[in-house]
Amino acid sequence: MLKHVPFIIGLLIIYGSLYPFNFHAAPVGIWAEFFASWRAFTGRGDALSNILLFLPFGYFAVLAYGRKVWLIITSLVLAVGVQALQVYLPGRDANLQDVFWNMLGTGIGGGMALLPWLRPANPGNAGNGNVNFALLLTGSWLAYRLMPFVPSIDWQQFKDSLKPLLLHPQFSSVGLLHDAVAWAVVAYLWSLLCRCRHADLWLLILIGGVFSLEVVIVKNIISVTNVLGAALGVGLWWLWLRKIPSGFVILILLLMLSLLLSGLAPFRLRTIPGYFYWLPFHGFLEGSMMTNISVVFEKGFFYGALILLLQKESGRFLFAVVSAFLLTLAIEIGQVFVYGHTAEITDPLLVLLIAMALKVVMAGSPVHASPGNGR
């Protein structure tokens, strides 16, 4: 399975880069602009998006095939190819400088694959699979919270980040459940990642660090819901869930409830049902690329956590994947009947892609016991 993953990621890159495939004749002079575009910097957000786009390709390519020169050539051909084809797509901005960021993303991903704690488990070291995936999931949640990773030294930016917390507090029950469940999951994952004596203290330092970074990173704010969610989630795990035999079951139910409520809020029914889009990634391929990548990190965390917890509780990987797939499909079908959402096949497909990554990273990893059963 591992050797197929880079090809699937490559196809997704081509699909996302060339959608909606409405090719037209290239305008006069466009090729001269294209070859001169390597000097045109399109912004930090665009650069970061192009790095993140190719990072999974580099990671899984090196995992599957090792450090091969032909992987660099393949990545370069892929990056240049999609940019060249974008010349024929109205509305797309073909830019040779993006090739540099794509190659940098491939290199970073390949470097990550060489780190021992980010490599999949093997039969002789199977327990590391849980740690590997726990690290990737935690990283996805932190990436979602800290996008776009660009710090600011503007004092006004700091004040604007804190205004929703200090001056204009607003509370969201759905948002509170969303953050509380996420941080409870992170607290569990942290128990796999940090087995030192003061692990709980280090978790508090991690959470404090995330909130501190959100203040200085542009386009980020801290709300009352964020703070209360973190406190409630970690408190639930420490004081209750990790101490009882049914802790995993309760956490799974809370996670499912959070996905359901977030997927259907604000619960305003349509008078006429909306459309269901069968074209994959319909919503992701429009709007801000930075926002879309942030959503991918968020969904990757929640769907990955759901599959992981279901597998650990049931001991059956297929059951976990099918359950997560059916839940997301039900939510998407429900979105046909409510305002504020776009119903599409993308999220169920994301579940399958995440399950594939989970299977690769956790190969040979045993299922741990639930809280209270020998923990």
Protein backbone atom coordinates (compact mmCIF):
# COMPACT_ATOMS: atom_id res chain seq x y z
CA MET A 1 0.00 0.00 0.00
CA LEU A 2 2.79 2.43 0.89
CA LYS A 3 4.24 2.43 -2.63
CA HIS A 4 0.87 3.55 -4.05
CA VAL A 5 0.47 6.55 -1.71
CA PRO A 6 2.85 8.97 -3.53
CA PHE A 7 1.04 8.31 -6.82
CA ILE A 8 -2.34 9.01 -5.20
CA ILE A 9 -1.00 12.25 -3.71
CA GLY A 10 0.44 13.21 -7.10
CA LEU A 11 -2.96 12.67 -8.73
CA LEU A 12 -4.59 14.83 -6.05
CA ILE A 13 -2.04 17.59 -6.69
CA ILE A 14 -2.79 17.46 -10.42
CA TYR A 15 -6.53 17.43 -9.76
CA GLY A 16 -6.40 20.39 -7.38
CA SER A 17 -4.02 22.39 -9.54
CA LEU A 18 -5.93 21.95 -12.82
CA TYR A 19 -9.54 22.00 -11.62
CA PRO A 20 -12.01 22.76 -13.26
CA PHE A 21 -10.10 21.58 -16.38
CA ASN A 22 -11.65 24.27 -18.62
CA PHE A 23 -8.62 24.53 -20.89
CA HIS A 24 -8.49 27.35 -23.44
CA ALA A 25 -5.94 28.56 -25.96
CA ALA A 26 -3.04 30.40 -24.31
CA PRO A 27 -3.29 34.21 -24.66
CA VAL A 28 -0.71 35.99 -26.82
CA GLY A 29 2.47 36.71 -24.88
CA ILE A 30 1.54 34.52 -21.92
CA TRP A 31 4.57 32.25 -22.30
CA ALA A 32 6.96 35.21 -22.06
CA GLU A 33 5.22 36.24 -18.84
CA PHE A 34 5.38 32.67 -17.59
CA PHE A 35 9.15 32.31 -18.08
CA ALA A 36 9.70 35.71 -16.44
CA SER A 37 7.48 34.86 -13.47
CA TRP A 38 10.28 33.19 -11.48
CA ARG A 39 11.13 36.67 -10.19
CA ALA A 40 7.55 37.52 -9.14
CA PHE A 41 6.92 36.84 -5.44
CA THR A 42 3.17 36.30 -4.99
CA GLY A 43 3.10 36.58 -1.20
CA ARG A 44 3.91 34.61 1.94
CA GLY A 45 0.53 32.91 2.00
CA ASP A 46 0.89 31.61 -1.55
CA ALA A 47 4.44 30.43 -0.86
CA LEU A 48 3.34 28.58 2.28
CA SER A 49 0.42 27.00 0.42
CA ASN A 50 2.72 25.68 -2.29
CA ILE A 51 5.14 24.28 0.29
CA LEU A 52 2.37 22.47 2.17
CA LEU A 53 0.88 21.18 -1.10
CA PHE A 54 3.98 19.11 -1.93
CA LEU A 55 5.07 18.24 1.63
CA PRO A 56 2.97 15.03 1.86
CA PHE A 57 4.31 13.93 -1.54
CA GLY A 58 7.90 14.23 -0.33
CA TYR A 59 7.13 12.53 2.97
CA PHE A 60 5.42 9.45 1.57
CA ALA A 61 7.71 9.21 -1.50
CA VAL A 62 10.79 8.92 0.71
CA LEU A 63 8.99 6.51 3.05
CA ALA A 64 8.07 4.31 0.11
CA TYR A 65 11.19 4.47 -2.03
CA GLY A 66 13.98 5.93 0.10
CA ARG A 67 16.33 8.73 -0.96
CA LYS A 68 16.25 8.33 -4.75
CA VAL A 69 17.36 10.93 -7.29
CA TRP A 70 14.44 10.06 -9.55
CA LEU A 71 12.05 11.24 -6.82
CA ILE A 72 13.52 14.74 -7.11
CA ILE A 73 13.15 14.60 -10.89
CA THR A 74 9.56 13.35 -10.57
CA SER A 75 8.68 16.13 -8.13
CA LEU A 76 10.25 18.72 -10.43
CA VAL A 77 8.39 17.41 -13.49
CA LEU A 78 5.14 17.40 -11.53
CA ALA A 79 5.65 20.96 -10.24
CA VAL A 80 6.69 22.40 -13.61
CA GLY A 81 4.02 20.43 -15.43
CA VAL A 82 1.07 21.72 -13.43
CA GLN A 83 2.35 25.30 -13.67
CA ALA A 84 2.78 25.00 -17.44
CA LEU A 85 -0.70 23.55 -17.89
CA GLN A 86 -2.17 26.37 -15.79
CA VAL A 87 -1.19 28.69 -18.64
CA TYR A 88 -4.17 27.22 -20.50
CA LEU A 89 -6.59 27.65 -17.58
CA PRO A 90 -8.41 31.00 -17.30
CA GLY A 91 -8.36 32.28 -13.74
CA ARG A 92 -5.20 30.39 -12.80
CA ASP A 93 -1.97 32.26 -12.14
CA ALA A 94 0.88 30.17 -13.58
CA ASN A 95 4.07 31.14 -11.79
CA LEU A 96 7.48 29.49 -12.08
CA GLN A 97 8.44 30.68 -8.61
CA ASP A 98 5.81 28.29 -7.24
CA VAL A 99 8.02 25.46 -8.53
CA PHE A 100 10.71 26.52 -6.05
CA TRP A 101 8.23 26.42 -3.15
CA ASN A 102 6.91 23.06 -4.35
CA MET A 103 10.42 21.61 -4.38
CA LEU A 104 11.07 23.07 -0.94
CA GLY A 105 7.91 21.37 0.31
CA THR A 106 9.07 18.08 -1.21
CA GLY A 107 12.43 18.46 0.51
CA ILE A 108 10.88 19.25 3.89
CA GLY A 109 8.51 16.29 3.58
CA GLY A 110 11.37 13.99 2.59
CA GLY A 111 13.41 15.24 5.54
CA MET A 112 10.51 14.52 7.90
CA ALA A 113 10.38 10.94 6.61
CA LEU A 114 14.00 10.47 7.72
CA LEU A 115 13.19 11.37 11.33
CA PRO A 116 12.91 8.19 13.45
CA TRP A 117 9.76 9.32 15.30
CA LEU A 118 7.93 10.07 12.03
CA ARG A 119 8.62 6.74 10.38
CA PRO A 120 6.02 3.96 10.42
CA ALA A 121 6.34 1.11 12.86
CA ASN A 122 7.86 -2.21 11.92
CA PRO A 123 7.25 -5.66 13.37
CA GLY A 124 10.26 -5.33 15.62
CA ASN A 125 9.21 -1.93 16.93
CA ALA A 126 5.45 -1.99 16.49
CA GLY A 127 4.53 0.22 19.44
CA ASN A 128 6.04 3.26 17.76
CA GLY A 129 3.10 3.33 15.30
CA ASN A 130 0.83 4.87 17.90
CA VAL A 131 3.43 7.48 18.76
CA ASN A 132 4.00 8.30 15.10
CA PHE A 133 0.36 8.90 14.34
CA ALA A 134 -0.21 10.70 17.64
CA LEU A 135 2.56 13.10 16.65
CA LEU A 136 1.06 13.68 13.19
CA LEU A 137 -2.42 14.28 14.64
CA THR A 138 -1.15 16.66 17.30
CA GLY A 139 0.86 18.47 14.65
CA SER A 140 -2.28 18.82 12.51
CA TRP A 141 -4.21 20.41 15.38
CA LEU A 142 -1.38 22.81 16.20
CA ALA A 143 -0.98 23.69 12.51
CA TYR A 144 -4.71 24.44 12.31
CA ARG A 145 -4.48 26.71 15.34
CA LEU A 146 -1.31 28.50 14.25
CA MET A 147 -1.93 29.06 10.52
CA PRO A 148 -0.50 31.00 8.67
CA PHE A 149 2.64 30.71 10.87
CA VAL A 150 3.65 34.33 10.15
CA PRO A 151 4.56 36.30 13.33
CA SER A 152 4.03 40.02 13.72
CA ILE A 153 5.77 42.64 15.84
CA ASP A 154 2.86 45.07 15.51
CA TRP A 155 1.46 46.05 18.91
CA GLN A 156 -1.95 46.68 17.32
CA GLN A 157 -1.95 43.10 16.05
CA PHE A 158 -1.42 41.85 19.60
CA LYS A 159 -4.34 43.94 20.88
CA ASP A 160 -6.62 42.84 18.05
CA SER A 161 -5.84 39.19 18.84
CA LEU A 162 -6.92 39.64 22.46
CA LYS A 163 -9.99 41.83 21.91
CA PRO A 164 -12.41 38.89 21.50
CA LEU A 165 -11.18 37.55 24.83
CA LEU A 166 -10.90 40.73 26.91
CA LEU A 167 -13.14 43.40 25.37
CA HIS A 168 -15.79 41.65 23.28
CA PRO A 169 -16.30 38.19 24.77
CA GLN A 170 -18.69 35.98 22.81
CA PHE A 171 -19.63 32.44 23.71
CA SER A 172 -20.48 29.58 21.36
CA SER A 173 -21.70 26.28 22.77
CA VAL A 174 -20.87 24.44 19.54
CA GLY A 175 -17.44 26.05 19.48
CA LEU A 176 -16.90 25.16 23.13
CA LEU A 177 -17.64 21.50 22.45
CA HIS A 178 -15.40 21.62 19.35
CA ASP A 179 -12.40 22.96 21.29
CA ALA A 180 -13.03 20.91 24.43
CA VAL A 181 -13.15 17.63 22.50
CA ALA A 182 -10.08 18.60 20.47
CA TRP A 183 -7.99 19.39 23.55
CA ALA A 184 -9.23 16.24 25.34
CA VAL A 185 -8.01 14.23 22.34
CA VAL A 186 -4.70 16.12 22.41
CA ALA A 187 -4.39 15.32 26.12
CA TYR A 188 -4.78 11.63 25.30
CA LEU A 189 -2.30 11.84 22.43
CA TRP A 190 0.11 13.64 24.73
CA SER A 191 0.03 10.61 27.07
CA LEU A 192 1.47 8.62 24.15
CA LEU A 193 4.02 11.24 23.15
CA CYS A 194 5.35 12.34 26.53
CA ARG A 195 5.98 9.64 29.10
CA CYS A 196 8.17 11.76 31.33
CA ARG A 197 7.51 12.40 35.00
CA HIS A 198 5.92 15.84 34.54
CA ALA A 199 3.95 15.12 31.36
CA ASP A 200 0.85 16.98 32.56
CA LEU A 201 2.89 20.08 33.29
CA TRP A 202 4.44 19.97 29.83
CA LEU A 203 0.95 19.71 28.32
CA LEU A 204 -0.05 22.90 30.12
CA ILE A 205 3.11 24.57 28.82
CA LEU A 206 2.21 23.40 25.29
CA ILE A 207 -1.30 24.86 25.55
CA GLY A 208 0.02 28.12 26.98
CA GLY A 209 2.56 28.27 24.18
CA VAL A 210 -0.14 27.79 21.53
CA PHE A 211 -2.24 30.64 22.93
CA SER A 212 0.83 32.87 23.23
CA LEU A 213 1.81 32.20 19.62
CA GLU A 214 -1.74 32.90 18.46
CA VAL A 215 -1.39 36.40 19.85
CA VAL A 216 1.69 37.17 17.75
CA ILE A 217 0.73 35.30 14.55
CA VAL A 218 -1.20 37.38 12.02
CA LYS A 219 -4.89 36.66 11.32
CA ASN A 220 -5.33 34.85 14.63
CA ILE A 221 -7.50 35.68 17.62
CA ILE A 222 -8.15 34.18 21.05
CA SER A 223 -11.75 33.98 22.24
CA VAL A 224 -13.43 33.05 25.49
CA THR A 225 -14.63 29.87 23.80
CA ASN A 226 -11.02 28.93 22.94
CA VAL A 227 -9.79 29.34 26.50
CA LEU A 228 -12.76 27.65 28.17
CA GLY A 229 -12.61 24.83 25.61
CA ALA A 230 -8.97 24.11 26.40
CA ALA A 231 -9.61 24.15 30.16
CA LEU A 232 -12.72 21.98 29.88
CA GLY A 233 -11.14 19.46 27.50
CA VAL A 234 -7.96 18.91 29.49
CA GLY A 235 -9.93 18.85 32.74
CA LEU A 236 -12.31 16.21 31.37
CA TRP A 237 -9.41 13.97 30.37
CA TRP A 238 -7.36 14.40 33.51
CA LEU A 239 -10.16 14.27 36.10
CA TRP A 240 -12.56 11.82 34.51
CA LEU A 241 -12.05 10.15 31.13
CA ARG A 242 -8.60 8.63 31.71
CA LYS A 243 -9.71 7.23 35.08
CA ILE A 244 -12.76 5.21 34.00
CA PRO A 245 -13.07 2.05 31.84
CA SER A 246 -15.54 3.72 29.46
CA GLY A 247 -13.36 6.81 28.95
CA PHE A 248 -12.62 6.09 25.29
CA VAL A 249 -16.29 5.40 24.53
CA ILE A 250 -17.37 8.71 26.04
CA LEU A 251 -14.63 10.59 24.20
CA ILE A 252 -15.66 8.93 20.92
CA LEU A 253 -19.31 9.90 21.48
CA LEU A 254 -18.33 13.47 22.30
CA LEU A 255 -16.15 13.59 19.18
CA MET A 256 -19.01 12.34 17.01
CA LEU A 257 -21.42 14.81 18.60
CA SER A 258 -18.99 17.67 17.98
CA LEU A 259 -18.62 16.71 14.31
CA LEU A 260 -22.38 16.42 13.93
CA LEU A 261 -23.16 19.78 15.55
CA SER A 262 -20.33 21.61 13.79
CA GLY A 263 -21.42 20.10 10.48
CA LEU A 264 -25.04 21.20 10.80
CA ALA A 265 -24.87 24.47 12.78
CA PRO A 266 -26.56 26.97 12.83
CA PHE A 267 -29.41 24.48 12.18
CA ARG A 268 -31.49 26.71 9.89
CA LEU A 269 -33.55 24.41 7.68
CA ARG A 270 -33.84 25.13 3.97
CA THR A 271 -37.28 25.48 2.44
CA ILE A 272 -35.91 23.77 -0.68
CA PRO A 273 -33.11 21.17 -0.35
CA GLY A 274 -29.73 22.25 -1.69
CA TYR A 275 -27.35 20.46 -4.02
CA PHE A 276 -25.06 17.55 -3.21
CA TYR A 277 -21.79 17.90 -5.10
CA TRP A 278 -20.30 14.60 -6.21
CA LEU A 279 -17.22 16.29 -7.64
CA PRO A 280 -14.47 15.77 -5.01
CA PHE A 281 -13.02 18.83 -3.26
CA HIS A 282 -15.57 21.16 -4.86
CA GLY A 283 -15.50 23.54 -1.89
CA PHE A 284 -11.76 23.23 -1.28
CA LEU A 285 -10.83 24.37 -4.77
CA GLU A 286 -12.49 27.75 -4.42
CA GLY A 287 -11.68 30.69 -2.18
CA SER A 288 -8.51 31.25 -0.16
CA MET A 289 -5.95 28.46 -0.49
CA MET A 290 -4.63 29.30 2.99
CA THR A 291 -8.11 28.91 4.49
CA ASN A 292 -8.61 25.64 2.66
CA ILE A 293 -5.31 24.22 3.94
CA SER A 294 -6.28 25.24 7.46
CA VAL A 295 -9.57 23.35 7.05
CA VAL A 296 -7.66 20.28 5.82
CA PHE A 297 -5.51 20.36 8.98
CA GLU A 298 -8.64 20.65 11.13
CA LYS A 299 -10.53 17.86 9.40
CA GLY A 300 -7.41 15.71 9.28
CA PHE A 301 -7.11 16.00 13.05
CA PHE A 302 -10.75 15.24 13.86
CA TYR A 303 -11.25 12.43 11.34
CA GLY A 304 -7.89 10.88 12.13
CA ALA A 305 -8.63 11.02 15.86
CA LEU A 306 -12.03 9.42 15.33
CA ILE A 307 -10.55 6.52 13.36
CA LEU A 308 -7.73 6.09 15.87
CA LEU A 309 -10.06 6.03 18.90
CA LEU A 310 -12.59 3.74 17.22
CA GLN A 311 -9.83 1.32 16.28
CA LYS A 312 -8.41 1.27 19.78
CA GLU A 313 -11.79 0.73 21.39
CA SER A 314 -13.10 -1.90 18.96
CA GLY A 315 -9.83 -3.49 17.85
CA ARG A 316 -11.10 -3.49 14.25
CA PHE A 317 -9.61 -1.08 11.75
CA LEU A 318 -12.26 -1.65 9.07
CA PHE A 319 -15.06 -1.00 11.56
CA ALA A 320 -13.40 2.28 12.56
CA VAL A 321 -13.01 3.46 8.96
CA VAL A 322 -16.54 2.47 7.91
CA SER A 323 -18.04 4.14 11.00
CA ALA A 324 -16.17 7.41 10.35
CA PHE A 325 -17.07 7.24 6.64
CA LEU A 326 -20.78 6.73 7.35
CA LEU A 327 -20.84 9.50 9.95
CA THR A 328 -19.29 12.06 7.61
CA LEU A 329 -21.54 10.92 4.76
CA ALA A 330 -24.61 11.34 6.99
CA ILE A 331 -23.47 14.85 7.96
CA GLU A 332 -22.94 15.80 4.32
CA ILE A 333 -26.40 14.49 3.39
CA GLY A 334 -27.83 16.47 6.32
CA GLN A 335 -26.17 19.61 4.96
CA VAL A 336 -28.43 19.38 1.92
CA PHE A 337 -31.28 20.47 4.20
CA VAL A 338 -29.60 23.28 6.18
CA TYR A 339 -28.20 26.69 5.32
CA GLY A 340 -24.56 27.66 5.70
CA HIS A 341 -22.91 24.51 4.35
CA THR A 342 -21.94 22.95 1.04
CA ALA A 343 -22.90 19.27 0.85
CA GLU A 344 -20.32 17.26 -1.05
CA ILE A 345 -18.54 13.91 -1.18
CA THR A 346 -15.20 15.42 -0.09
CA ASP A 347 -15.27 14.67 3.64
CA PRO A 348 -16.08 10.94 3.27
CA LEU A 349 -13.23 10.72 0.76
CA LEU A 350 -10.95 12.53 3.23
CA VAL A 351 -11.78 9.85 5.78
CA LEU A 352 -10.59 7.16 3.35
CA LEU A 353 -7.38 9.07 2.56
CA ILE A 354 -6.65 9.60 6.26
CA ALA A 355 -7.37 5.93 6.94
CA MET A 356 -4.85 5.00 4.25
CA ALA A 357 -2.24 7.24 5.88
CA LEU A 358 -3.09 5.77 9.29
CA LYS A 359 -2.67 2.25 7.96
CA VAL A 360 0.75 3.13 6.56
CA VAL A 361 2.04 4.99 9.61
CA MET A 362 0.71 2.51 12.16
CA ALA A 363 1.66 -0.64 10.27
CA GLY A 364 2.11 -3.44 12.75
CA SER A 365 1.04 -1.31 15.71
CA PRO A 366 -0.93 -3.16 18.36
CA VAL A 367 -4.20 -1.86 19.76
CA HIS A 368 -3.75 -0.50 23.26
CA ALA A 369 -6.19 -1.09 26.06
CA SER A 370 -8.84 1.41 26.95
CA PRO A 371 -8.55 3.67 30.03
CA GLY A 372 -8.99 1.74 33.20
CA ASN A 373 -8.00 -1.58 31.58
CA GLY A 374 -4.40 -1.95 32.57
CA ARG A 375 -3.50 1.67 31.87
